[in-house]
Amino acid sequence: MSRYAIGDLQGCDQELRALLKLLKFSPDRDRLWFVGDLVNRGPGSLETLRLVRALGDNAVVVLGNHDLHLLAVAHGVERKRKSDTLDALLCAPDRDALLEWLGSRALAHAEGPDLMVHAGLVPQWSAAQALALAREVQAALARDPRALFAHMYGNEPDRWREDLKGEERLRFVINVLTRLRVCTTDGRVDLTMKGEPPAPPSPLRPWFEIENRQSRDTRIIFGHWSALGFVQRQGVLGLDTGCVWGGALTAFDLDRERAPISLSCGAHQLVGAA
């Protein structure tokens, strides 16, 4: 049996199908871990969601920022963006079943020595604490999704405090688990940065480069940062290799730790993209 972790799909269903053939994926023996952002920007969000949902227990999925955005739009809380490619999904006859399934996914998944999230962790969080906080968000999502999405957007607070409560606590946890790229050693996050990490003397560093972060004894599997490409170092595995931007879709065998298997992707016509 193999556990393959796969990077951000973002509606690239044809590339996913081709990658599964390349892996010789068998539902009798293999499991797939998806780092989130199943949908949006690419041309096949509907088909991608149908395919991953049909995998049943063979697929482990954590929610990414684009997945949460889809759910917020579907609940009428957020407007579609110019760059969204969600119309076919939102109009599909099986829309409700797909969205119900997606909304029941977690924001973090742990198994053995591994923790999978979409984006990252602040240095103050252990893997166990990140899991507990992810469960708080999942409970709020199940209890009242409209209320959660109504207060989800925004970049404040920008620093973790144990005494954060209510919507601020949930927003910070969502932002870290689904949007984080860089932070300071004391855990201040900057959610506006995209592209390559800032150079010194900026105090902002990739979250996984912060020394003595509390999660350093766990292998963290993540996506969300296509500018970095494939990342493999002690305790860190980054899998967003930019398929939707014409890069590659990458899978990694979590148990054998062989070389990553990547499938080159053709650039898609992105709505609203330059």
Protein backbone atom coordinates (compact mmCIF):
# COMPACT_ATOMS: atom_id res chain seq x y z
CA MET A 1 0.00 0.00 0.00
CA SER A 2 1.18 3.52 -0.78
CA ARG A 3 0.15 6.88 0.61
CA TYR A 4 0.63 9.52 -2.06
CA ALA A 5 0.41 13.19 -1.10
CA ILE A 6 -0.64 15.37 -4.03
CA GLY A 7 -0.25 19.12 -4.46
CA ASP A 8 -2.81 21.81 -5.19
CA LEU A 9 -5.24 20.74 -7.93
CA GLN A 10 -7.21 23.98 -8.46
CA GLY A 11 -9.58 22.42 -10.97
CA CYS A 12 -6.94 20.60 -13.05
CA ASP A 13 -8.91 17.37 -13.34
CA GLN A 14 -7.28 16.12 -16.56
CA GLU A 15 -3.83 16.41 -15.03
CA LEU A 16 -5.03 14.57 -11.93
CA ARG A 17 -6.38 11.70 -14.03
CA ALA A 18 -3.10 11.51 -15.95
CA LEU A 19 -1.09 11.56 -12.71
CA LEU A 20 -3.14 8.72 -11.22
CA LYS A 21 -2.37 6.65 -14.33
CA LEU A 22 1.29 7.49 -13.97
CA LEU A 23 1.20 6.36 -10.33
CA LYS A 24 -0.69 3.19 -11.32
CA PHE A 25 -3.07 4.13 -8.53
CA SER A 26 -5.18 1.24 -7.26
CA PRO A 27 -8.07 1.82 -4.82
CA ASP A 28 -7.44 -1.69 -3.52
CA ARG A 29 -4.07 -0.73 -2.09
CA ASP A 30 -3.38 3.02 -2.28
CA ARG A 31 -4.53 6.18 -0.52
CA LEU A 32 -4.26 9.76 -1.70
CA TRP A 33 -3.67 12.79 0.50
CA PHE A 34 -4.75 16.10 -1.04
CA VAL A 35 -3.28 19.29 0.46
CA GLY A 36 -6.34 21.42 -0.33
CA ASP A 37 -7.40 23.88 -3.01
CA LEU A 38 -9.18 21.23 -5.03
CA VAL A 39 -11.05 23.94 -6.95
CA ASN A 40 -10.85 27.32 -8.69
CA ARG A 41 -8.64 29.03 -11.26
CA GLY A 42 -8.39 25.87 -13.39
CA PRO A 43 -10.97 24.75 -15.97
CA GLY A 44 -12.39 21.63 -14.28
CA SER A 45 -13.44 22.39 -10.71
CA LEU A 46 -16.68 20.43 -11.04
CA GLU A 47 -14.99 17.38 -12.53
CA THR A 48 -12.16 17.53 -9.97
CA LEU A 49 -14.56 17.62 -7.04
CA ARG A 50 -16.57 14.73 -8.45
CA LEU A 51 -13.44 12.66 -9.00
CA VAL A 52 -11.96 13.20 -5.54
CA ARG A 53 -15.29 12.66 -3.77
CA ALA A 54 -15.80 9.39 -5.71
CA LEU A 55 -12.52 8.09 -4.26
CA GLY A 56 -14.31 7.69 -0.92
CA ASP A 57 -12.07 6.57 1.93
CA ASN A 58 -9.10 6.37 -0.44
CA ALA A 59 -8.90 10.18 -0.39
CA VAL A 60 -7.92 12.33 2.58
CA VAL A 61 -8.61 16.01 1.93
CA VAL A 62 -7.88 19.15 3.93
CA LEU A 63 -9.55 22.43 3.07
CA GLY A 64 -7.64 25.22 1.34
CA ASN A 65 -8.49 28.89 0.98
CA HIS A 66 -10.08 28.37 -2.45
CA ASP A 67 -12.25 25.55 -1.10
CA LEU A 68 -13.49 27.78 1.73
CA HIS A 69 -14.10 30.59 -0.74
CA LEU A 70 -16.28 28.29 -2.84
CA LEU A 71 -18.32 27.36 0.23
CA ALA A 72 -18.70 31.02 1.21
CA VAL A 73 -19.95 31.89 -2.28
CA ALA A 74 -22.33 28.92 -2.28
CA HIS A 75 -23.81 30.07 1.04
CA GLY A 76 -24.40 33.54 -0.36
CA VAL A 77 -21.94 35.20 2.01
CA GLU A 78 -19.23 36.16 -0.49
CA ARG A 79 -19.46 37.33 -4.11
CA LYS A 80 -17.70 35.51 -6.90
CA ARG A 81 -14.44 37.06 -8.00
CA LYS A 82 -13.48 37.83 -11.57
CA SER A 83 -10.82 35.12 -11.44
CA ASP A 84 -13.20 32.41 -10.13
CA THR A 85 -13.93 29.41 -12.36
CA LEU A 86 -16.77 28.02 -10.27
CA ASP A 87 -19.90 28.60 -12.38
CA ALA A 88 -20.26 25.05 -13.68
CA LEU A 89 -19.90 23.65 -10.19
CA LEU A 90 -22.38 26.09 -8.66
CA CYS A 91 -24.95 25.22 -11.36
CA ALA A 92 -24.40 21.45 -11.33
CA PRO A 93 -27.31 19.13 -10.49
CA ASP A 94 -25.17 17.42 -7.84
CA ARG A 95 -23.94 20.72 -6.43
CA ASP A 96 -25.50 20.26 -2.99
CA ALA A 97 -24.04 16.79 -2.47
CA LEU A 98 -20.59 17.95 -3.58
CA LEU A 99 -20.65 21.03 -1.35
CA GLU A 100 -21.91 19.08 1.64
CA TRP A 101 -19.05 16.63 1.20
CA LEU A 102 -16.49 19.41 0.79
CA GLY A 103 -17.79 21.28 3.83
CA SER A 104 -17.32 18.20 5.99
CA ARG A 105 -13.58 18.01 5.28
CA ALA A 106 -11.09 18.99 8.00
CA LEU A 107 -8.52 21.79 8.05
CA ALA A 108 -5.80 19.46 9.33
CA HIS A 109 -5.16 15.73 9.24
CA ALA A 110 -2.68 13.76 11.33
CA GLU A 111 -1.53 10.19 10.91
CA GLY A 112 1.53 8.68 12.53
CA PRO A 113 4.41 11.17 12.27
CA ASP A 114 2.65 13.31 9.65
CA LEU A 115 0.42 16.39 9.78
CA MET A 116 -1.19 17.74 6.61
CA VAL A 117 -2.48 21.31 6.32
CA HIS A 118 -2.99 23.54 3.32
CA ALA A 119 -0.64 26.37 4.23
CA GLY A 120 1.30 26.29 7.50
CA LEU A 121 1.56 26.73 11.27
CA VAL A 122 2.70 29.62 13.42
CA PRO A 123 5.79 28.76 15.48
CA GLN A 124 3.84 28.76 18.76
CA TRP A 125 1.65 25.83 17.70
CA SER A 126 2.52 22.20 18.16
CA ALA A 127 1.00 19.69 15.77
CA ALA A 128 -1.45 18.63 18.50
CA GLN A 129 -2.55 22.21 19.11
CA ALA A 130 -3.00 22.84 15.38
CA LEU A 131 -5.25 19.76 15.20
CA ALA A 132 -7.31 20.93 18.17
CA LEU A 133 -7.74 24.40 16.68
CA ALA A 134 -8.68 22.92 13.30
CA ARG A 135 -11.39 20.92 15.06
CA GLU A 136 -12.75 24.14 16.57
CA VAL A 137 -13.17 25.57 13.07
CA GLN A 138 -14.72 22.37 11.76
CA ALA A 139 -17.25 22.38 14.61
CA ALA A 140 -18.16 26.00 13.87
CA LEU A 141 -18.51 25.18 10.17
CA ALA A 142 -20.86 22.30 10.95
CA ARG A 143 -22.86 24.34 13.46
CA ASP A 144 -23.45 27.55 11.47
CA PRO A 145 -21.54 27.86 8.17
CA ARG A 146 -23.07 31.22 7.22
CA ALA A 147 -21.96 32.77 10.49
CA LEU A 148 -18.44 31.40 10.05
CA PHE A 149 -18.10 32.66 6.49
CA ALA A 150 -19.58 36.07 7.35
CA HIS A 151 -16.61 36.73 9.64
CA MET A 152 -13.92 34.68 7.87
CA TYR A 153 -12.42 37.35 5.59
CA GLY A 154 -9.76 39.76 6.82
CA ASN A 155 -6.12 39.78 7.97
CA GLU A 156 -6.62 40.67 11.64
CA PRO A 157 -5.62 39.64 14.21
CA ASP A 158 -2.09 39.12 12.92
CA ARG A 159 -0.63 37.44 16.00
CA TRP A 160 -1.65 34.37 18.00
CA ARG A 161 -2.85 34.77 21.56
CA GLU A 162 -4.23 31.97 23.71
CA ASP A 163 -7.03 34.24 24.86
CA LEU A 164 -8.38 34.94 21.37
CA LYS A 165 -12.09 34.16 21.33
CA GLY A 166 -15.05 34.00 18.98
CA GLU A 167 -14.78 35.17 15.40
CA GLU A 168 -11.25 36.56 15.84
CA ARG A 169 -9.97 33.20 17.05
CA LEU A 170 -11.64 31.30 14.21
CA ARG A 171 -10.43 33.81 11.60
CA PHE A 172 -6.84 33.61 12.79
CA VAL A 173 -6.85 29.81 12.77
CA ILE A 174 -8.35 29.70 9.27
CA ASN A 175 -5.84 32.27 8.00
CA VAL A 176 -2.86 30.35 9.37
CA LEU A 177 -3.96 26.91 8.22
CA THR A 178 -5.08 28.02 4.74
CA ARG A 179 -3.18 31.23 3.86
CA LEU A 180 0.09 31.45 5.80
CA ARG A 181 3.42 31.73 4.00
CA VAL A 182 5.63 33.93 6.15
CA CYS A 183 5.77 35.08 9.74
CA THR A 184 8.17 36.46 12.33
CA THR A 185 9.85 34.49 15.09
CA ASP A 186 7.29 35.78 17.57
CA GLY A 187 4.41 34.62 15.37
CA ARG A 188 3.26 37.80 13.62
CA VAL A 189 1.84 36.76 10.27
CA ASP A 190 1.85 38.67 6.99
CA LEU A 191 -0.89 37.36 4.71
CA THR A 192 -0.28 39.81 1.88
CA MET A 193 3.04 38.37 0.72
CA LYS A 194 3.12 36.26 -2.44
CA GLY A 195 5.99 35.01 -4.55
CA GLU A 196 9.50 34.45 -3.21
CA PRO A 197 10.25 34.96 0.50
CA PRO A 198 11.45 38.46 1.37
CA ALA A 199 15.19 38.90 1.71
CA PRO A 200 16.95 40.07 4.89
CA PRO A 201 16.75 42.38 6.74
CA SER A 202 13.03 41.66 6.63
CA PRO A 203 12.01 39.85 9.84
CA LEU A 204 9.54 37.76 7.83
CA ARG A 205 10.65 34.23 7.09
CA PRO A 206 8.91 31.16 5.65
CA TRP A 207 6.96 29.70 8.55
CA PHE A 208 8.87 26.41 8.38
CA GLU A 209 12.27 28.14 8.68
CA ILE A 210 11.54 29.61 12.10
CA GLU A 211 13.95 28.02 14.56
CA ASN A 212 12.49 26.13 17.49
CA ARG A 213 8.96 26.15 16.14
CA GLN A 214 6.80 23.89 18.28
CA SER A 215 5.87 21.63 15.34
CA ARG A 216 9.45 20.81 14.35
CA ASP A 217 9.20 17.17 15.50
CA THR A 218 6.34 16.45 13.08
CA ARG A 219 6.58 16.14 9.31
CA ILE A 220 4.33 18.90 7.95
CA ILE A 221 2.85 18.33 4.49
CA PHE A 222 1.51 21.46 2.82
CA GLY A 223 0.75 23.27 -0.42
CA HIS A 224 -0.36 26.86 -1.16
CA TRP A 225 3.03 28.30 -2.18
CA SER A 226 3.64 27.62 -5.86
CA ALA A 227 6.51 30.11 -6.08
CA LEU A 228 8.62 27.76 -3.94
CA GLY A 229 7.96 24.68 -6.04
CA PHE A 230 8.72 21.30 -4.47
CA VAL A 231 10.13 21.58 -0.95
CA GLN A 232 11.69 18.67 0.92
CA ARG A 233 13.75 19.11 4.03
CA GLN A 234 13.80 17.76 7.56
CA GLY A 235 10.22 17.77 8.78
CA VAL A 236 8.76 19.65 5.81
CA LEU A 237 7.18 18.59 2.53
CA GLY A 238 5.79 21.27 0.19
CA LEU A 239 3.85 20.06 -2.84
CA ASP A 240 2.38 23.07 -4.67
CA THR A 241 4.30 23.01 -7.94
CA GLY A 242 1.92 25.32 -9.78
CA CYS A 243 -0.05 23.02 -12.05
CA VAL A 244 -2.72 25.62 -12.74
CA TRP A 245 -0.02 28.11 -13.76
CA GLY A 246 1.55 25.71 -16.26
CA GLY A 247 3.97 24.11 -13.81
CA ALA A 248 3.49 20.54 -12.65
CA LEU A 249 1.23 18.37 -10.54
CA THR A 250 3.35 16.52 -8.01
CA ALA A 251 2.80 13.38 -5.94
CA PHE A 252 5.06 12.06 -3.20
CA ASP A 253 5.08 8.62 -1.62
CA LEU A 254 4.88 9.38 2.09
CA ASP A 255 6.06 5.97 3.22
CA ARG A 256 8.91 5.19 0.84
CA GLU A 257 10.18 8.76 0.40
CA ARG A 258 11.35 8.15 -3.13
CA ALA A 259 11.83 10.95 -5.63
CA PRO A 260 8.63 12.95 -6.26
CA ILE A 261 6.54 12.01 -9.28
CA SER A 262 5.57 15.07 -11.28
CA LEU A 263 3.44 15.53 -14.35
CA SER A 264 4.06 18.62 -16.46
CA CYS A 265 0.97 20.75 -16.98
CA GLY A 266 0.03 22.94 -19.88
CA ALA A 267 -0.79 26.53 -19.00
CA HIS A 268 -4.53 27.08 -18.68
CA GLN A 269 -6.47 30.09 -19.81
CA LEU A 270 -7.11 31.72 -16.45
CA VAL A 271 -10.08 34.01 -16.10
CA GLY A 272 -8.93 37.43 -14.98
CA ALA A 273 -5.26 36.52 -15.19
CA ALA A 274 -2.69 38.64 -16.92
